[in-house]
Amino acid sequence: MTGTGPTSASEARLLRFDVSDRTPIEGARELAGELERAAEGGRFAAVIELPSVVSKLRLLGSAAELVRIAKRMKPLLQQNCLGLAVVLSAESQAANAKAIRKGMRFWGGPSRVTDDPAKAMRWAESWIAEGGLTAGS
């Protein structure tokens, strides 16, 4: 992708990524690539549908790879992402609440986690419409 992309929040794109049918590590790998490409195009807000995982990741290698992916993605997201709305089942949210909170704090940007894809889209749309300044996180 070439060009500078949008220069203001009002020109930002709303992107949707669905990796809900992947394993957590496959989804993270695919999502990282998609978000990197999105960041090249300028400002955006994203709705991300994640796999429902009730049990915690037990493979140390997978957890370490997820951390590496997160560290690589953080600067790109902080520079170009107006907000992330994550769609995750209520059961998965409850089972992984601590990891979700840590992930959202690590990124540091506006975020919302919900089990309702329509609610996630409305939040992301309002975040862009408000310029990333006043919508609730």
N, C-alpha and C. Protein backbone atom coordinates (compact mmCIF):
# COMPACT_ATOMS: atom_id res chain seq x y z
N MET A 1 0.84 -1.17 0.00
CA MET A 1 0.00 0.00 0.00
C MET A 1 0.89 1.24 0.00
N THR A 2 0.55 2.23 -0.82
CA THR A 2 1.34 3.45 -0.89
C THR A 2 0.53 4.63 -0.42
N GLY A 3 1.20 5.77 -0.26
CA GLY A 3 0.53 6.98 0.18
C GLY A 3 0.61 7.13 1.68
N THR A 4 0.16 8.28 2.15
CA THR A 4 0.26 8.57 3.58
C THR A 4 -0.96 8.14 4.35
N GLY A 5 -2.07 7.90 3.68
CA GLY A 5 -3.28 7.48 4.38
C GLY A 5 -3.98 8.66 5.02
N PRO A 6 -5.01 8.39 5.81
CA PRO A 6 -5.79 9.44 6.43
C PRO A 6 -4.93 10.29 7.36
N THR A 7 -5.24 11.57 7.43
CA THR A 7 -4.47 12.48 8.27
C THR A 7 -5.23 12.93 9.50
N SER A 8 -6.51 12.62 9.60
CA SER A 8 -7.28 12.99 10.78
C SER A 8 -8.20 11.85 11.15
N ALA A 9 -8.74 11.91 12.38
CA ALA A 9 -9.64 10.85 12.82
C ALA A 9 -10.85 10.74 11.92
N SER A 10 -11.34 11.87 11.40
CA SER A 10 -12.52 11.81 10.54
C SER A 10 -12.25 11.07 9.24
N GLU A 11 -10.99 10.93 8.85
CA GLU A 11 -10.63 10.20 7.64
C GLU A 11 -10.21 8.76 7.95
N ALA A 12 -10.27 8.39 9.20
CA ALA A 12 -9.83 7.05 9.61
C ALA A 12 -10.78 5.98 9.07
N ARG A 13 -10.24 4.81 8.91
CA ARG A 13 -11.00 3.67 8.41
C ARG A 13 -11.47 2.80 9.56
N LEU A 14 -12.60 2.15 9.35
CA LEU A 14 -13.09 1.16 10.29
C LEU A 14 -12.81 -0.20 9.69
N LEU A 15 -12.01 -0.99 10.36
CA LEU A 15 -11.62 -2.30 9.86
C LEU A 15 -12.19 -3.40 10.74
N ARG A 16 -12.46 -4.53 10.12
CA ARG A 16 -12.98 -5.68 10.87
C ARG A 16 -12.13 -6.90 10.54
N PHE A 17 -11.69 -7.56 11.57
CA PHE A 17 -10.88 -8.76 11.42
C PHE A 17 -11.56 -9.90 12.18
N ASP A 18 -11.74 -11.01 11.52
CA ASP A 18 -12.38 -12.17 12.16
C ASP A 18 -11.41 -13.34 12.13
N VAL A 19 -10.85 -13.64 13.27
CA VAL A 19 -9.96 -14.81 13.40
C VAL A 19 -10.57 -15.80 14.38
N SER A 20 -11.90 -15.74 14.54
CA SER A 20 -12.58 -16.57 15.52
C SER A 20 -12.54 -18.05 15.21
N ASP A 21 -12.25 -18.40 13.97
CA ASP A 21 -12.19 -19.82 13.62
C ASP A 21 -10.77 -20.38 13.66
N ARG A 22 -9.83 -19.62 14.17
CA ARG A 22 -8.43 -20.05 14.26
C ARG A 22 -8.10 -20.44 15.71
N THR A 23 -6.99 -21.13 15.88
CA THR A 23 -6.49 -21.33 17.24
C THR A 23 -5.99 -19.98 17.73
N PRO A 24 -5.83 -19.80 19.03
CA PRO A 24 -5.35 -18.50 19.52
C PRO A 24 -4.02 -18.07 18.89
N ILE A 25 -3.07 -18.97 18.75
CA ILE A 25 -1.77 -18.58 18.21
C ILE A 25 -1.87 -18.31 16.71
N GLU A 26 -2.63 -19.12 15.97
CA GLU A 26 -2.83 -18.86 14.54
C GLU A 26 -3.53 -17.52 14.35
N GLY A 27 -4.55 -17.26 15.17
CA GLY A 27 -5.27 -16.00 15.08
C GLY A 27 -4.37 -14.81 15.36
N ALA A 28 -3.50 -14.94 16.37
CA ALA A 28 -2.59 -13.85 16.72
C ALA A 28 -1.62 -13.58 15.58
N ARG A 29 -1.09 -14.63 14.98
CA ARG A 29 -0.16 -14.45 13.86
C ARG A 29 -0.84 -13.74 12.69
N GLU A 30 -2.03 -14.23 12.32
CA GLU A 30 -2.75 -13.64 11.19
C GLU A 30 -3.13 -12.19 11.51
N LEU A 31 -3.63 -11.96 12.71
CA LEU A 31 -4.04 -10.62 13.11
C LEU A 31 -2.87 -9.65 13.10
N ALA A 32 -1.72 -10.09 13.56
CA ALA A 32 -0.53 -9.22 13.56
C ALA A 32 -0.21 -8.75 12.15
N GLY A 33 -0.23 -9.67 11.20
CA GLY A 33 0.04 -9.29 9.81
C GLY A 33 -0.99 -8.32 9.27
N GLU A 34 -2.26 -8.57 9.55
CA GLU A 34 -3.33 -7.70 9.07
C GLU A 34 -3.23 -6.31 9.70
N LEU A 35 -2.94 -6.24 10.99
CA LEU A 35 -2.81 -4.94 11.66
C LEU A 35 -1.59 -4.17 11.17
N GLU A 36 -0.50 -4.88 10.87
CA GLU A 36 0.67 -4.21 10.31
C GLU A 36 0.33 -3.56 8.97
N ARG A 37 -0.38 -4.30 8.11
CA ARG A 37 -0.79 -3.76 6.82
C ARG A 37 -1.76 -2.58 7.01
N ALA A 38 -2.65 -2.71 7.96
CA ALA A 38 -3.60 -1.63 8.22
C ALA A 38 -2.88 -0.37 8.68
N ALA A 39 -1.88 -0.51 9.54
CA ALA A 39 -1.13 0.63 10.07
C ALA A 39 -0.39 1.37 8.96
N GLU A 40 0.04 0.65 7.93
CA GLU A 40 0.71 1.29 6.79
C GLU A 40 -0.21 2.25 6.07
N GLY A 41 -1.51 2.01 6.14
CA GLY A 41 -2.49 2.84 5.45
C GLY A 41 -2.99 4.03 6.25
N GLY A 42 -2.46 4.23 7.44
CA GLY A 42 -2.87 5.37 8.25
C GLY A 42 -3.78 4.98 9.40
N ARG A 43 -4.51 5.97 9.89
CA ARG A 43 -5.33 5.82 11.09
C ARG A 43 -6.53 4.90 10.86
N PHE A 44 -6.86 4.14 11.90
CA PHE A 44 -7.99 3.23 11.82
C PHE A 44 -8.49 2.89 13.21
N ALA A 45 -9.70 2.39 13.25
CA ALA A 45 -10.25 1.71 14.43
C ALA A 45 -10.57 0.31 13.95
N ALA A 46 -10.50 -0.65 14.85
CA ALA A 46 -10.69 -2.03 14.43
C ALA A 46 -11.63 -2.78 15.35
N VAL A 47 -12.41 -3.65 14.74
CA VAL A 47 -13.22 -4.62 15.46
C VAL A 47 -12.57 -5.97 15.19
N ILE A 48 -12.23 -6.67 16.26
CA ILE A 48 -11.51 -7.93 16.13
C ILE A 48 -12.32 -9.04 16.79
N GLU A 49 -12.69 -10.05 16.02
CA GLU A 49 -13.39 -11.20 16.57
C GLU A 49 -12.37 -12.30 16.83
N LEU A 50 -12.23 -12.64 18.11
CA LEU A 50 -11.22 -13.62 18.55
C LEU A 50 -11.84 -14.98 18.80
N PRO A 51 -10.99 -16.02 18.80
CA PRO A 51 -11.50 -17.36 19.12
C PRO A 51 -11.98 -17.41 20.56
N SER A 52 -13.02 -18.18 20.80
CA SER A 52 -13.48 -18.39 22.17
C SER A 52 -12.62 -19.46 22.80
N VAL A 53 -11.88 -19.06 23.81
CA VAL A 53 -10.98 -19.97 24.50
C VAL A 53 -11.31 -19.91 25.98
N VAL A 54 -11.78 -21.03 26.50
CA VAL A 54 -12.17 -21.05 27.91
C VAL A 54 -10.97 -21.40 28.78
N SER A 55 -10.09 -22.27 28.29
CA SER A 55 -8.92 -22.62 29.09
C SER A 55 -7.77 -21.69 28.74
N LYS A 56 -6.90 -21.49 29.68
CA LYS A 56 -5.74 -20.64 29.46
C LYS A 56 -4.74 -21.37 28.56
N LEU A 57 -3.92 -20.59 27.85
CA LEU A 57 -2.88 -21.20 27.04
C LEU A 57 -1.91 -21.94 27.95
N ARG A 58 -1.68 -23.18 27.66
CA ARG A 58 -0.83 -23.98 28.51
C ARG A 58 0.57 -24.19 27.94
N LEU A 59 0.73 -23.89 26.68
CA LEU A 59 2.03 -24.09 26.06
C LEU A 59 2.89 -22.85 26.24
N LEU A 60 3.98 -22.99 26.95
CA LEU A 60 4.85 -21.86 27.23
C LEU A 60 5.34 -21.21 25.95
N GLY A 61 5.67 -22.00 24.94
CA GLY A 61 6.14 -21.45 23.68
C GLY A 61 5.09 -20.58 23.02
N SER A 62 3.83 -20.98 23.08
CA SER A 62 2.75 -20.17 22.51
C SER A 62 2.59 -18.87 23.26
N ALA A 63 2.63 -18.92 24.57
CA ALA A 63 2.51 -17.70 25.37
C ALA A 63 3.66 -16.75 25.07
N ALA A 64 4.88 -17.29 24.95
CA ALA A 64 6.04 -16.45 24.64
C ALA A 64 5.89 -15.81 23.26
N GLU A 65 5.36 -16.56 22.30
CA GLU A 65 5.16 -15.99 20.97
C GLU A 65 4.10 -14.90 21.00
N LEU A 66 3.05 -15.09 21.76
CA LEU A 66 2.02 -14.06 21.88
C LEU A 66 2.60 -12.77 22.46
N VAL A 67 3.49 -12.89 23.43
CA VAL A 67 4.13 -11.71 24.02
C VAL A 67 4.99 -11.01 22.97
N ARG A 68 5.76 -11.77 22.20
CA ARG A 68 6.60 -11.17 21.14
C ARG A 68 5.74 -10.44 20.11
N ILE A 69 4.64 -11.04 19.72
CA ILE A 69 3.73 -10.40 18.76
C ILE A 69 3.19 -9.10 19.35
N ALA A 70 2.77 -9.14 20.59
CA ALA A 70 2.22 -7.95 21.24
C ALA A 70 3.25 -6.82 21.31
N LYS A 71 4.48 -7.15 21.65
CA LYS A 71 5.53 -6.13 21.74
C LYS A 71 5.82 -5.53 20.37
N ARG A 72 5.78 -6.35 19.33
CA ARG A 72 6.01 -5.85 17.98
C ARG A 72 4.88 -4.94 17.52
N MET A 73 3.67 -5.25 17.92
CA MET A 73 2.50 -4.52 17.46
C MET A 73 2.26 -3.22 18.23
N LYS A 74 2.71 -3.13 19.45
CA LYS A 74 2.38 -1.99 20.31
C LYS A 74 2.69 -0.63 19.67
N PRO A 75 3.89 -0.38 19.15
CA PRO A 75 4.16 0.94 18.58
C PRO A 75 3.28 1.26 17.37
N LEU A 76 3.00 0.27 16.54
CA LEU A 76 2.14 0.50 15.37
C LEU A 76 0.73 0.87 15.80
N LEU A 77 0.22 0.17 16.80
CA LEU A 77 -1.12 0.45 17.28
C LEU A 77 -1.19 1.82 17.95
N GLN A 78 -0.20 2.13 18.76
CA GLN A 78 -0.21 3.42 19.44
C GLN A 78 -0.16 4.58 18.45
N GLN A 79 0.51 4.40 17.36
CA GLN A 79 0.65 5.46 16.38
C GLN A 79 -0.58 5.59 15.47
N ASN A 80 -1.20 4.48 15.12
CA ASN A 80 -2.21 4.50 14.06
C ASN A 80 -3.61 4.05 14.45
N CYS A 81 -3.76 3.41 15.58
CA CYS A 81 -5.07 2.84 15.94
C CYS A 81 -5.82 3.75 16.90
N LEU A 82 -7.00 4.19 16.48
CA LEU A 82 -7.83 5.04 17.32
C LEU A 82 -8.54 4.26 18.41
N GLY A 83 -8.78 2.98 18.18
CA GLY A 83 -9.46 2.16 19.17
C GLY A 83 -9.63 0.74 18.69
N LEU A 84 -9.68 -0.18 19.65
CA LEU A 84 -9.88 -1.60 19.35
C LEU A 84 -11.12 -2.09 20.08
N ALA A 85 -12.04 -2.66 19.34
CA ALA A 85 -13.19 -3.33 19.93
C ALA A 85 -12.99 -4.82 19.71
N VAL A 86 -12.96 -5.56 20.78
CA VAL A 86 -12.70 -6.99 20.73
C VAL A 86 -13.98 -7.75 21.00
N VAL A 87 -14.30 -8.69 20.11
CA VAL A 87 -15.48 -9.54 20.28
C VAL A 87 -15.00 -10.89 20.79
N LEU A 88 -15.50 -11.24 21.97
CA LEU A 88 -15.07 -12.47 22.63
C LEU A 88 -16.24 -12.96 23.47
N SER A 89 -16.52 -14.25 23.45
CA SER A 89 -17.66 -14.77 24.19
C SER A 89 -17.56 -14.40 25.67
N ALA A 90 -18.73 -14.27 26.30
CA ALA A 90 -18.77 -13.93 27.73
C ALA A 90 -18.03 -14.98 28.55
N GLU A 91 -18.16 -16.23 28.16
CA GLU A 91 -17.48 -17.32 28.86
C GLU A 91 -15.96 -17.16 28.77
N SER A 92 -15.46 -16.82 27.58
CA SER A 92 -14.03 -16.60 27.40
C SER A 92 -13.55 -15.37 28.16
N GLN A 93 -14.38 -14.33 28.17
CA GLN A 93 -14.02 -13.13 28.93
C GLN A 93 -13.85 -13.46 30.41
N ALA A 94 -14.79 -14.23 30.95
CA ALA A 94 -14.72 -14.59 32.36
C ALA A 94 -13.50 -15.46 32.67
N ALA A 95 -13.22 -16.41 31.79
CA ALA A 95 -12.11 -17.34 32.02
C ALA A 95 -10.75 -16.67 31.86
N ASN A 96 -10.69 -15.60 31.09
CA ASN A 96 -9.41 -14.95 30.78
C ASN A 96 -9.39 -13.48 31.17
N ALA A 97 -10.16 -13.10 32.17
CA ALA A 97 -10.31 -11.70 32.54
C ALA A 97 -8.98 -11.03 32.87
N LYS A 98 -8.13 -11.70 33.60
CA LYS A 98 -6.85 -11.11 33.99
C LYS A 98 -5.97 -10.85 32.76
N ALA A 99 -5.89 -11.82 31.86
CA ALA A 99 -5.08 -11.65 30.65
C ALA A 99 -5.65 -10.55 29.76
N ILE A 100 -6.96 -10.45 29.68
CA ILE A 100 -7.59 -9.41 28.87
C ILE A 100 -7.24 -8.04 29.44
N ARG A 101 -7.39 -7.88 30.76
CA ARG A 101 -7.05 -6.58 31.39
C ARG A 101 -5.59 -6.22 31.15
N LYS A 102 -4.69 -7.19 31.30
CA LYS A 102 -3.26 -6.93 31.08
C LYS A 102 -3.00 -6.51 29.64
N GLY A 103 -3.62 -7.20 28.69
CA GLY A 103 -3.44 -6.88 27.28
C GLY A 103 -3.92 -5.48 26.94
N MET A 104 -5.07 -5.10 27.48
CA MET A 104 -5.61 -3.77 27.20
C MET A 104 -4.74 -2.69 27.85
N ARG A 105 -4.25 -2.95 29.05
CA ARG A 105 -3.36 -1.97 29.71
C ARG A 105 -2.04 -1.87 28.97
N PHE A 106 -1.52 -2.99 28.49
CA PHE A 106 -0.25 -3.01 27.76
C PHE A 106 -0.33 -2.12 26.53
N TRP A 107 -1.40 -2.24 25.77
CA TRP A 107 -1.57 -1.41 24.59
C TRP A 107 -1.77 0.03 25.00
N GLY A 108 -2.62 0.29 25.97
CA GLY A 108 -2.81 1.63 26.48
C GLY A 108 -3.78 2.49 25.71
N GLY A 109 -4.32 2.00 24.62
CA GLY A 109 -5.26 2.78 23.83
C GLY A 109 -6.69 2.49 24.21
N PRO A 110 -7.61 3.22 23.63
CA PRO A 110 -9.03 3.00 23.89
C PRO A 110 -9.45 1.61 23.43
N SER A 111 -10.22 0.93 24.25
CA SER A 111 -10.62 -0.42 23.90
C SER A 111 -11.94 -0.78 24.56
N ARG A 112 -12.57 -1.76 23.98
CA ARG A 112 -13.83 -2.29 24.49
C ARG A 112 -13.83 -3.77 24.20
N VAL A 113 -14.29 -4.57 25.16
CA VAL A 113 -14.45 -6.02 24.96
C VAL A 113 -15.92 -6.33 25.17
N THR A 114 -16.49 -7.03 24.23
CA THR A 114 -17.91 -7.38 24.30
C THR A 114 -18.13 -8.72 23.61
N ASP A 115 -19.25 -9.34 23.92
CA ASP A 115 -19.59 -10.58 23.21
C ASP A 115 -20.56 -10.31 22.06
N ASP A 116 -20.86 -9.05 21.80
CA ASP A 116 -21.84 -8.66 20.78
C ASP A 116 -21.14 -7.93 19.62
N PRO A 117 -21.03 -8.58 18.46
CA PRO A 117 -20.36 -7.94 17.32
C PRO A 117 -20.99 -6.60 16.91
N ALA A 118 -22.31 -6.49 16.98
CA ALA A 118 -22.98 -5.24 16.60
C ALA A 118 -22.60 -4.12 17.58
N LYS A 119 -22.53 -4.44 18.85
CA LYS A 119 -22.13 -3.44 19.85
C LYS A 119 -20.68 -3.00 19.62
N ALA A 120 -19.82 -3.93 19.27
CA ALA A 120 -18.42 -3.60 18.98
C ALA A 120 -18.33 -2.66 17.79
N MET A 121 -19.10 -2.93 16.74
CA MET A 121 -19.09 -2.06 15.55
C MET A 121 -19.61 -0.67 15.90
N ARG A 122 -20.69 -0.58 16.66
CA ARG A 122 -21.22 0.73 17.03
C ARG A 122 -20.19 1.52 17.84
N TRP A 123 -19.50 0.86 18.76
CA TRP A 123 -18.49 1.55 19.57
C TRP A 123 -17.37 2.08 18.67
N ALA A 124 -16.87 1.23 17.77
CA ALA A 124 -15.78 1.65 16.89
C ALA A 124 -16.22 2.77 15.96
N GLU A 125 -17.42 2.68 15.43
CA GLU A 125 -17.94 3.74 14.56
C GLU A 125 -18.06 5.05 15.31
N SER A 126 -18.56 5.00 16.54
CA SER A 126 -18.71 6.23 17.32
C SER A 126 -17.35 6.80 17.70
N TRP A 127 -16.39 5.91 17.93
CA TRP A 127 -15.04 6.37 18.28
C TRP A 127 -14.44 7.17 17.13
N ILE A 128 -14.60 6.69 15.91
CA ILE A 128 -14.11 7.41 14.74
C ILE A 128 -14.90 8.71 14.56
N ALA A 129 -16.23 8.64 14.67
CA ALA A 129 -17.06 9.82 14.47
C ALA A 129 -16.71 10.93 15.46
N GLU A 130 -16.36 10.55 16.66
CA GLU A 130 -16.00 11.54 17.69
C GLU A 130 -14.54 11.91 17.64
N GLY A 131 -13.83 11.42 16.66
CA GLY A 131 -12.42 11.76 16.52
C GLY A 131 -11.54 11.09 17.55
N GLY A 132 -12.04 10.03 18.17
CA GLY A 132 -11.24 9.33 19.16
C GLY A 132 -11.08 10.13 20.44
N LEU A 133 -11.94 11.13 20.64
CA LEU A 133 -11.74 12.02 21.78
C LEU A 133 -12.76 11.85 22.89
N THR A 134 -14.01 11.54 22.56
CA THR A 134 -15.01 11.56 23.60
C THR A 134 -15.79 10.27 23.77
N ALA A 135 -15.68 9.33 22.85
CA ALA A 135 -16.43 8.08 22.99
C ALA A 135 -15.89 7.31 24.18
N GLY A 136 -16.74 6.57 24.85
CA GLY A 136 -16.32 5.82 26.02
C GLY A 136 -15.41 4.67 25.66
N SER A 137 -14.51 4.36 26.55
CA SER A 137 -13.61 3.23 26.30
C SER A 137 -13.92 2.10 27.25
